[in-house]
Structure formats: C-alpha cells, structure tokens
Amino acid sequence: MLDAITERPEGVTLAELCRAVGLPKPTVFRILSTLEQDGLVAREPGQRRFLAGTRLARLAGSVLIGSPQRAARRAILEELVETVGETCNLTVPNGHEVLYLDRVEAEPRPGQRVRQGSSLPLYAAATGKLFLSEMPSRARERFTRQVPRVPYTSHTLVECAALEKDLCQIRRRGYATDQEEYLPGRCCVAVAVRASDSRIVAALSVEAAVGRTPLSELVEFLPQLTSAAEAIAGTMEV
C-alpha cells in the first residue's frame, strides 16, 4: 500500500488503492486508518486522496542519509567540489521541504546555517524549486494553496504568480537557480538526479557567494553538475 501511495505524488483514492493491492475496501480502509494515525499516510484536506505522510518522508530521508551508498555519493560530491571550486549539495524532497543528504563545503564559513540533515522550504531553494517544477499540476496547486510562504529575503518568491512563472522557466530549461532567495549573498544552481525511468529522485546543486562567483558564472558549471548527477543516480538504489 505504501508503494502504491508513494508512486502517485498527486495522491491516490481508496478505490485506486483497492485495485492496486487487490484487497477489499474495508481491509484497505482499516490499514489506511492505522497508517494515518502513525503519520505514515496523510489525507488531502477536503479531498478523498491519500498521500505520503510527513513521518514517512522523514524516515525515507533518514534511511538515505545512513545508506551504505553514502560513501560513494560523498566521493562524487568531493570530486565535483574540487572541479568547480564551490560548495555542492545533494538533497531529496521531504514533505514541504528539501532534506540535505550531504554537503561538501569548498571552504568553512563561520555561523554556517545549512549542513547535512538540514531542511529548507521547497519554494526558497534551487533544489526545492526543481522538485516543485516536476510535481504534477494538482500537487503543485495544492502546495501553493496550503503552504505559507515566508519572505526570508527580499528576493524570496512568495507570490503565487511569480513562483509559478519561475517553475515554468525551470521546466523549460531543465535546471533551477536561486538568487539570494533563502540566504542573503548566496546564489545557487541545481540539476536533477534521475532514476532510470526519468523520475527525479534527488537534486544536485552548486552554491557560492554572489560577490565571488555570480549566478551567471555558476551556470557555466552545468556540464559538470549534470555529469556528477548521472554518477550519483547510480548510488540512489532506484
């Protein structure tokens, strides 16, 4: 049942679940009720669709962080940082946030606010906007309708129209950017890590201080990012 639910980001109805697992409706409903109480499944407000719950997303992130494949991913990230000379991150979606599976700093920064295990809002991070851009329209509309958007900086995209315009550009060009949208003075470029069936399973990004490496220069690292993303895809066990 969890497989059937997580394969449908837009949500799945009770009838669809019954067909997917081959169990009678009362049995499926009873199991769903237990999963919902445990936070593993959530019901779409005002709708009859079931979605992955926040606890399930958190558990999935914890499993990936502690995965035996972490060392292989770390080696790829470290090699990428050596090549581009800037900090690189690997993230996965985690409910309404992105979870940092790993982060390799090009140089230590005092008061660092983002590290492995950190979570950032989807709408205020390049990798998060990449995930949003690939959501089914129904799920994306639900996100913009339900999730409050806080202006972390003067550049944060909090208006629905501005965010949707940026997501359309991301879908068209195939990568996402963040120009001081979460942290002042920091910019970022992100590309997708895809499974063999083209599903986005993670995102890889490079970030820098705008005074040292402006966004226009970060974009020039897209070939290296894309190559590293393809290598990381082989470590994601998908």
C-alpha atoms as a PDB file:
ATOM      1  CA  MET A   1       0.000   0.000   0.000  1.00  0.00           C
ATOM      2  CA  LEU A   2       2.844   2.391   0.796  1.00  0.00           C
ATOM      3  CA  ASP A   3       4.410   1.571  -2.578  1.00  0.00           C
ATOM      4  CA  ALA A   4       1.128   2.363  -4.328  1.00  0.00           C
ATOM      5  CA  ILE A   5       0.786   5.671  -2.455  1.00  0.00           C
ATOM      6  CA  THR A   6       4.354   6.890  -2.959  1.00  0.00           C
ATOM      7  CA  GLU A   7       4.226   6.092  -6.682  1.00  0.00           C
ATOM      8  CA  ARG A   8       1.406   8.662  -7.054  1.00  0.00           C
ATOM      9  CA  PRO A   9       2.614  12.107  -5.877  1.00  0.00           C
ATOM     10  CA  GLU A  10      -0.768  13.591  -6.820  1.00  0.00           C
ATOM     11  CA  GLY A  11      -2.466  11.257  -4.314  1.00  0.00           C
ATOM     12  CA  VAL A  12      -4.489   8.064  -4.684  1.00  0.00           C
ATOM     13  CA  THR A  13      -8.130   7.320  -3.898  1.00  0.00           C
ATOM     14  CA  LEU A  14      -9.420   4.447  -1.785  1.00  0.00           C
ATOM     15  CA  ALA A  15     -10.835   2.721  -4.879  1.00  0.00           C
ATOM     16  CA  GLU A  16      -7.499   3.064  -6.716  1.00  0.00           C
ATOM     17  CA  LEU A  17      -5.667   1.581  -3.724  1.00  0.00           C
ATOM     18  CA  CYS A  18      -8.042  -1.367  -3.568  1.00  0.00           C
ATOM     19  CA  ARG A  19      -7.336  -2.141  -7.227  1.00  0.00           C
ATOM     20  CA  ALA A  20      -3.589  -1.678  -6.776  1.00  0.00           C
ATOM     21  CA  VAL A  21      -3.230  -4.047  -3.809  1.00  0.00           C
ATOM     22  CA  GLY A  22      -6.083  -6.456  -4.569  1.00  0.00           C
ATOM     23  CA  LEU A  23      -7.719  -6.183  -1.163  1.00  0.00           C
ATOM     24  CA  PRO A  24     -11.352  -5.432  -0.223  1.00  0.00           C
ATOM     25  CA  LYS A  25     -12.304  -1.865   0.656  1.00  0.00           C
ATOM     26  CA  PRO A  26     -12.919  -2.465   4.412  1.00  0.00           C
ATOM     27  CA  THR A  27      -9.454  -4.024   4.792  1.00  0.00           C
ATOM     28  CA  VAL A  28      -7.722  -1.217   2.879  1.00  0.00           C
ATOM     29  CA  PHE A  29      -9.602   1.451   4.833  1.00  0.00           C
ATOM     30  CA  ARG A  30      -8.635  -0.173   8.162  1.00  0.00           C
ATOM     31  CA  ILE A  31      -4.949  -0.303   7.179  1.00  0.00           C
ATOM     32  CA  LEU A  32      -5.085   3.293   5.916  1.00  0.00           C
ATOM     33  CA  SER A  33      -6.565   4.454   9.218  1.00  0.00           C
ATOM     34  CA  THR A  34      -3.671   2.859  11.130  1.00  0.00           C
ATOM     35  CA  LEU A  35      -1.060   4.331   8.762  1.00  0.00           C
ATOM     36  CA  GLU A  36      -2.706   7.750   9.038  1.00  0.00           C
ATOM     37  CA  GLN A  37      -2.652   7.631  12.852  1.00  0.00           C
ATOM     38  CA  ASP A  38       1.070   6.824  12.703  1.00  0.00           C
ATOM     39  CA  GLY A  39       1.804   9.755  10.374  1.00  0.00           C
ATOM     40  CA  LEU A  40       2.901   7.487   7.518  1.00  0.00           C
ATOM     41  CA  VAL A  41      -0.075   8.447   5.360  1.00  0.00           C
ATOM     42  CA  ALA A  42      -1.977  11.750   5.127  1.00  0.00           C
ATOM     43  CA  ARG A  43      -5.356  12.591   3.664  1.00  0.00           C
ATOM     44  CA  GLU A  44      -5.594  15.528   1.289  1.00  0.00           C
ATOM     45  CA  PRO A  45      -7.671  18.218   3.082  1.00  0.00           C
ATOM     46  CA  GLY A  46     -11.184  18.369   1.668  1.00  0.00           C
ATOM     47  CA  GLN A  47     -10.431  15.561  -0.784  1.00  0.00           C
ATOM     48  CA  ARG A  48     -10.597  11.774  -0.887  1.00  0.00           C
ATOM     49  CA  ARG A  49      -6.983  11.214  -1.872  1.00  0.00           C
ATOM     50  CA  PHE A  50      -4.256   9.732   0.292  1.00  0.00           C
ATOM     51  CA  LEU A  51      -0.637  10.913   0.225  1.00  0.00           C
ATOM     52  CA  ALA A  52       2.675  10.005   1.852  1.00  0.00           C
ATOM     53  CA  GLY A  53       2.757  11.409   5.390  1.00  0.00           C
ATOM     54  CA  THR A  54       5.455  13.603   6.908  1.00  0.00           C
ATOM     55  CA  ARG A  55       6.741  10.774   9.103  1.00  0.00           C
ATOM     56  CA  LEU A  56       7.210   8.529   6.065  1.00  0.00           C
ATOM     57  CA  ALA A  57       9.157  11.273   4.259  1.00  0.00           C
ATOM     58  CA  ARG A  58      11.327  11.792   7.351  1.00  0.00           C
ATOM     59  CA  LEU A  59      12.024   8.053   7.646  1.00  0.00           C
ATOM     60  CA  ALA A  60      12.957   7.847   3.963  1.00  0.00           C
ATOM     61  CA  GLY A  61      15.398  10.728   4.379  1.00  0.00           C
ATOM     62  CA  SER A  62      16.994   9.110   7.441  1.00  0.00           C
ATOM     63  CA  VAL A  63      17.454   5.846   5.533  1.00  0.00           C
ATOM     64  CA  LEU A  64      19.169   7.647   2.653  1.00  0.00           C
ATOM     65  CA  ILE A  65      21.462   9.627   4.958  1.00  0.00           C
ATOM     66  CA  GLY A  66      22.613   6.403   6.622  1.00  0.00           C
ATOM     67  CA  SER A  67      22.724   4.381   3.408  1.00  0.00           C
ATOM     68  CA  PRO A  68      25.815   2.235   2.688  1.00  0.00           C
ATOM     69  CA  GLN A  69      25.983   4.137  -0.610  1.00  0.00           C
ATOM     70  CA  ARG A  70      26.676   7.411   1.210  1.00  0.00           C
ATOM     71  CA  ALA A  71      30.465   6.993   0.859  1.00  0.00           C
ATOM     72  CA  ALA A  72      30.157   6.656  -2.935  1.00  0.00           C
ATOM     73  CA  ARG A  73      27.939   9.751  -3.132  1.00  0.00           C
ATOM     74  CA  ARG A  74      30.328  11.667  -0.898  1.00  0.00           C
ATOM     75  CA  ALA A  75      33.276  10.829  -3.155  1.00  0.00           C
ATOM     76  CA  ILE A  76      31.392  12.139  -6.193  1.00  0.00           C
ATOM     77  CA  LEU A  77      30.500  15.353  -4.339  1.00  0.00           C
ATOM     78  CA  GLU A  78      34.079  15.878  -3.187  1.00  0.00           C
ATOM     79  CA  GLU A  79      35.382  15.416  -6.715  1.00  0.00           C
ATOM     80  CA  LEU A  80      32.793  17.897  -8.006  1.00  0.00           C
ATOM     81  CA  VAL A  81      33.812  20.490  -5.392  1.00  0.00           C
ATOM     82  CA  GLU A  82      37.449  20.069  -6.405  1.00  0.00           C
ATOM     83  CA  THR A  83      36.483  20.634 -10.042  1.00  0.00           C
ATOM     84  CA  VAL A  84      34.248  23.696  -9.630  1.00  0.00           C
ATOM     85  CA  GLY A  85      35.818  25.190  -6.502  1.00  0.00           C
ATOM     86  CA  GLU A  86      32.462  25.891  -4.839  1.00  0.00           C
ATOM     87  CA  THR A  87      30.214  24.230  -2.247  1.00  0.00           C
ATOM     88  CA  CYS A  88      27.987  21.402  -3.530  1.00  0.00           C
ATOM     89  CA  ASN A  89      24.829  19.858  -2.054  1.00  0.00           C
ATOM     90  CA  LEU A  90      22.736  16.730  -2.551  1.00  0.00           C
ATOM     91  CA  THR A  91      19.082  16.980  -1.485  1.00  0.00           C
ATOM     92  CA  VAL A  92      15.844  14.984  -1.612  1.00  0.00           C
ATOM     93  CA  PRO A  93      12.236  16.138  -1.186  1.00  0.00           C
ATOM     94  CA  ASN A  94      10.909  15.791   2.352  1.00  0.00           C
ATOM     95  CA  GLY A  95       7.272  16.857   2.544  1.00  0.00           C
ATOM     96  CA  HIS A  96       7.160  20.628   2.048  1.00  0.00           C
ATOM     97  CA  GLU A  97      10.936  20.888   2.449  1.00  0.00           C
ATOM     98  CA  VAL A  98      14.190  19.675   0.944  1.00  0.00           C
ATOM     99  CA  LEU A  99      16.431  17.491   3.084  1.00  0.00           C
ATOM    100  CA  TYR A 100      20.200  17.821   2.705  1.00  0.00           C
ATOM    101  CA  LEU A 101      21.555  14.287   2.310  1.00  0.00           C
ATOM    102  CA  ASP A 102      25.094  15.602   2.007  1.00  0.00           C
ATOM    103  CA  ARG A 103      27.016  18.837   1.663  1.00  0.00           C
ATOM    104  CA  VAL A 104      30.677  19.425   0.857  1.00  0.00           C
ATOM    105  CA  GLU A 105      31.996  22.904   1.664  1.00  0.00           C
ATOM    106  CA  ALA A 106      34.567  24.489  -0.618  1.00  0.00           C
ATOM    107  CA  GLU A 107      35.742  26.464   2.407  1.00  0.00           C
ATOM    108  CA  PRO A 108      34.459  26.591   6.025  1.00  0.00           C
ATOM    109  CA  ARG A 109      32.148  29.503   6.824  1.00  0.00           C
ATOM    110  CA  PRO A 110      31.536  30.762  10.387  1.00  0.00           C
ATOM    111  CA  GLY A 111      27.915  30.510  11.519  1.00  0.00           C
ATOM    112  CA  GLN A 112      27.002  28.032   8.770  1.00  0.00           C
ATOM    113  CA  ARG A 113      23.207  27.604   8.797  1.00  0.00           C
ATOM    114  CA  VAL A 114      22.946  24.733   6.310  1.00  0.00           C
ATOM    115  CA  ARG A 115      24.549  21.320   6.845  1.00  0.00           C
ATOM    116  CA  GLN A 116      23.849  17.619   6.299  1.00  0.00           C
ATOM    117  CA  GLY A 117      20.433  16.838   7.761  1.00  0.00           C
ATOM    118  CA  SER A 118      19.206  20.432   7.408  1.00  0.00           C
ATOM    119  CA  SER A 119      15.826  21.129   5.816  1.00  0.00           C
ATOM    120  CA  LEU A 120      14.888  24.161   3.711  1.00  0.00           C
ATOM    121  CA  PRO A 121      11.487  25.177   2.329  1.00  0.00           C
ATOM    122  CA  LEU A 122      10.864  23.943  -1.219  1.00  0.00           C
ATOM    123  CA  TYR A 123       9.971  27.375  -2.590  1.00  0.00           C
ATOM    124  CA  ALA A 124      13.112  29.144  -1.303  1.00  0.00           C
ATOM    125  CA  ALA A 125      15.844  26.797  -2.561  1.00  0.00           C
ATOM    126  CA  ALA A 126      17.037  25.987  -6.082  1.00  0.00           C
ATOM    127  CA  THR A 127      16.779  22.236  -5.478  1.00  0.00           C
ATOM    128  CA  GLY A 128      13.355  22.668  -3.883  1.00  0.00           C
ATOM    129  CA  LYS A 129      12.023  24.620  -6.848  1.00  0.00           C
ATOM    130  CA  LEU A 130      13.366  21.885  -9.104  1.00  0.00           C
ATOM    131  CA  PHE A 131      11.231  19.328  -7.244  1.00  0.00           C
ATOM    132  CA  LEU A 132       8.222  21.672  -7.342  1.00  0.00           C
ATOM    133  CA  SER A 133       8.595  22.192 -11.092  1.00  0.00           C
ATOM    134  CA  GLU A 134       8.305  18.437 -11.690  1.00  0.00           C
ATOM    135  CA  MET A 135       5.281  17.898  -9.464  1.00  0.00           C
ATOM    136  CA  PRO A 136       2.001  17.032 -11.196  1.00  0.00           C
ATOM    137  CA  SER A 137      -0.055  20.217 -11.600  1.00  0.00           C
ATOM    138  CA  ARG A 138      -2.568  19.030  -8.990  1.00  0.00           C
ATOM    139  CA  ALA A 139       0.111  18.509  -6.349  1.00  0.00           C
ATOM    140  CA  ARG A 140       1.786  21.822  -7.180  1.00  0.00           C
ATOM    141  CA  GLU A 141      -1.513  23.706  -6.900  1.00  0.00           C
ATOM    142  CA  ARG A 142      -2.128  22.039  -3.548  1.00  0.00           C
ATOM    143  CA  PHE A 143       1.305  23.141  -2.362  1.00  0.00           C
ATOM    144  CA  THR A 144       0.847  26.789  -3.365  1.00  0.00           C
ATOM    145  CA  ARG A 145      -2.619  26.807  -1.804  1.00  0.00           C
ATOM    146  CA  GLN A 146      -1.718  25.218   1.526  1.00  0.00           C
ATOM    147  CA  VAL A 147       1.890  26.099   2.343  1.00  0.00           C
ATOM    148  CA  PRO A 148       2.566  29.566   3.832  1.00  0.00           C
ATOM    149  CA  ARG A 149       5.500  31.267   2.105  1.00  0.00           C
ATOM    150  CA  VAL A 150       7.774  33.367   4.309  1.00  0.00           C
ATOM    151  CA  PRO A 151       9.985  36.055   2.712  1.00  0.00           C
ATOM    152  CA  TYR A 152      13.415  35.030   4.011  1.00  0.00           C
ATOM    153  CA  THR A 153      14.990  37.792   1.905  1.00  0.00           C
ATOM    154  CA  SER A 154      13.699  40.486  -0.407  1.00  0.00           C
ATOM    155  CA  HIS A 155      14.286  38.027  -3.287  1.00  0.00           C
ATOM    156  CA  THR A 156      12.151  35.150  -1.937  1.00  0.00           C
ATOM    157  CA  LEU A 157       9.349  34.218  -4.348  1.00  0.00           C
ATOM    158  CA  VAL A 158       6.263  34.349  -2.132  1.00  0.00           C
ATOM    159  CA  GLU A 159       3.651  35.438  -4.702  1.00  0.00           C
ATOM    160  CA  CYS A 160       1.951  32.528  -6.482  1.00  0.00           C
ATOM    161  CA  ALA A 161       2.255  34.133  -9.925  1.00  0.00           C
ATOM    162  CA  ALA A 162       5.975  34.852  -9.547  1.00  0.00           C
ATOM    163  CA  LEU A 163       6.705  31.362  -8.214  1.00  0.00           C
ATOM    164  CA  GLU A 164       4.705  29.655 -10.970  1.00  0.00           C
ATOM    165  CA  LYS A 165       6.487  31.731 -13.634  1.00  0.00           C
ATOM    166  CA  ASP A 166       9.854  30.654 -12.249  1.00  0.00           C
ATOM    167  CA  LEU A 167       8.755  26.985 -12.125  1.00  0.00           C
ATOM    168  CA  CYS A 168       7.692  27.160 -15.780  1.00  0.00           C
ATOM    169  CA  GLN A 169      11.144  28.503 -16.700  1.00  0.00           C
ATOM    170  CA  ILE A 170      12.783  25.684 -14.732  1.00  0.00           C
ATOM    171  CA  ARG A 171      10.748  23.039 -16.572  1.00  0.00           C
ATOM    172  CA  ARG A 172      11.622  24.612 -19.915  1.00  0.00           C
ATOM    173  CA  ARG A 173      15.386  24.967 -19.416  1.00  0.00           C
ATOM    174  CA  GLY A 174      15.978  21.884 -17.226  1.00  0.00           C
ATOM    175  CA  TYR A 175      17.755  23.469 -14.260  1.00  0.00           C
ATOM    176  CA  ALA A 176      16.875  25.737 -11.325  1.00  0.00           C
ATOM    177  CA  THR A 177      18.515  28.811  -9.814  1.00  0.00           C
ATOM    178  CA  ASP A 178      18.358  30.646  -6.503  1.00  0.00           C
ATOM    179  CA  GLN A 179      19.484  34.262  -6.407  1.00  0.00           C
ATOM    180  CA  GLU A 180      19.682  35.141  -2.679  1.00  0.00           C
ATOM    181  CA  GLU A 181      16.204  33.687  -2.114  1.00  0.00           C
ATOM    182  CA  TYR A 182      16.984  31.970   1.187  1.00  0.00           C
ATOM    183  CA  LEU A 183      20.315  33.396   2.329  1.00  0.00           C
ATOM    184  CA  PRO A 184      21.474  36.933   1.519  1.00  0.00           C
ATOM    185  CA  GLY A 185      24.654  36.960  -0.524  1.00  0.00           C
ATOM    186  CA  ARG A 186      24.353  33.327  -1.729  1.00  0.00           C
ATOM    187  CA  CYS A 187      23.344  32.054  -5.187  1.00  0.00           C
ATOM    188  CA  CYS A 188      22.799  28.505  -6.390  1.00  0.00           C
ATOM    189  CA  VAL A 189      22.243  26.342  -9.493  1.00  0.00           C
ATOM    190  CA  ALA A 190      20.620  22.883  -9.306  1.00  0.00           C
ATOM    191  CA  VAL A 191      20.075  19.926 -11.650  1.00  0.00           C
ATOM    192  CA  ALA A 192      18.003  16.762 -11.267  1.00  0.00           C
ATOM    193  CA  VAL A 193      19.272  13.315 -10.293  1.00  0.00           C
ATOM    194  CA  ARG A 194      17.011  10.918 -12.196  1.00  0.00           C
ATOM    195  CA  ALA A 195      16.091   7.258 -11.945  1.00  0.00           C
ATOM    196  CA  SER A 196      16.275   5.013 -14.997  1.00  0.00           C
ATOM    197  CA  ASP A 197      12.617   5.806 -15.739  1.00  0.00           C
ATOM    198  CA  SER A 198      13.416   9.576 -15.731  1.00  0.00           C
ATOM    199  CA  ARG A 199      11.740  10.265 -12.357  1.00  0.00           C
ATOM    200  CA  ILE A 200      13.537  12.914 -10.303  1.00  0.00           C
ATOM    201  CA  VAL A 201      14.797  11.241  -7.113  1.00  0.00           C
ATOM    202  CA  ALA A 202      17.238  13.871  -5.831  1.00  0.00           C
ATOM    203  CA  ALA A 203      18.829  17.169  -6.817  1.00  0.00           C
ATOM    204  CA  LEU A 204      22.443  18.261  -7.011  1.00  0.00           C
ATOM    205  CA  SER A 205      23.449  21.896  -6.607  1.00  0.00           C
ATOM    206  CA  VAL A 206      26.436  24.201  -6.534  1.00  0.00           C
ATOM    207  CA  GLU A 207      26.312  27.389  -4.468  1.00  0.00           C
ATOM    208  CA  ALA A 208      28.591  30.363  -3.956  1.00  0.00           C
ATOM    209  CA  ALA A 209      28.871  33.856  -2.554  1.00  0.00           C
ATOM    210  CA  VAL A 210      27.491  36.262  -5.167  1.00  0.00           C
ATOM    211  CA  GLY A 211      30.422  38.615  -4.609  1.00  0.00           C
ATOM    212  CA  ARG A 212      32.887  35.901  -5.611  1.00  0.00           C
ATOM    213  CA  THR A 213      31.021  33.804  -8.164  1.00  0.00           C
ATOM    214  CA  PRO A 214      27.842  35.413  -9.547  1.00  0.00           C
ATOM    215  CA  LEU A 215      24.945  33.310 -10.789  1.00  0.00           C
ATOM    216  CA  SER A 216      25.934  33.860 -14.428  1.00  0.00           C
ATOM    217  CA  GLU A 217      29.238  32.099 -13.721  1.00  0.00           C
ATOM    218  CA  LEU A 218      27.684  29.295 -11.668  1.00  0.00           C
ATOM    219  CA  VAL A 219      25.511  28.387 -14.665  1.00  0.00           C
ATOM    220  CA  GLU A 220      28.707  27.628 -16.578  1.00  0.00           C
ATOM    221  CA  PHE A 221      29.195  24.618 -14.267  1.00  0.00           C
ATOM    222  CA  LEU A 222      26.063  22.882 -15.630  1.00  0.00           C
ATOM    223  CA  PRO A 223      28.024  20.270 -17.662  1.00  0.00           C
ATOM    224  CA  GLN A 224      29.998  19.210 -14.566  1.00  0.00           C
ATOM    225  CA  LEU A 225      26.830  19.185 -12.428  1.00  0.00           C
ATOM    226  CA  THR A 226      24.960  17.076 -14.972  1.00  0.00           C
ATOM    227  CA  SER A 227      27.803  14.553 -15.221  1.00  0.00           C
ATOM    228  CA  ALA A 228      28.012  14.254 -11.423  1.00  0.00           C
ATOM    229  CA  ALA A 229      24.210  13.885 -11.176  1.00  0.00           C
ATOM    230  CA  GLU A 230      24.326  10.947 -13.579  1.00  0.00           C
ATOM    231  CA  ALA A 231      27.040   9.297 -11.470  1.00  0.00           C
ATOM    232  CA  ILE A 232      25.062   9.874  -8.241  1.00  0.00           C
ATOM    233  CA  ALA A 233      21.933   8.345  -9.798  1.00  0.00           C
ATOM    234  CA  GLY A 234      23.722   5.004  -9.742  1.00  0.00           C
ATOM    235  CA  THR A 235      24.111   5.239  -5.957  1.00  0.00           C
ATOM    236  CA  MET A 236      20.490   6.054  -5.134  1.00  0.00           C
ATOM    237  CA  GLU A 237      19.272   2.425  -5.264  1.00  0.00           C
ATOM    238  CA  VAL A 238      16.337   3.280  -7.538  1.00  0.00           C
END
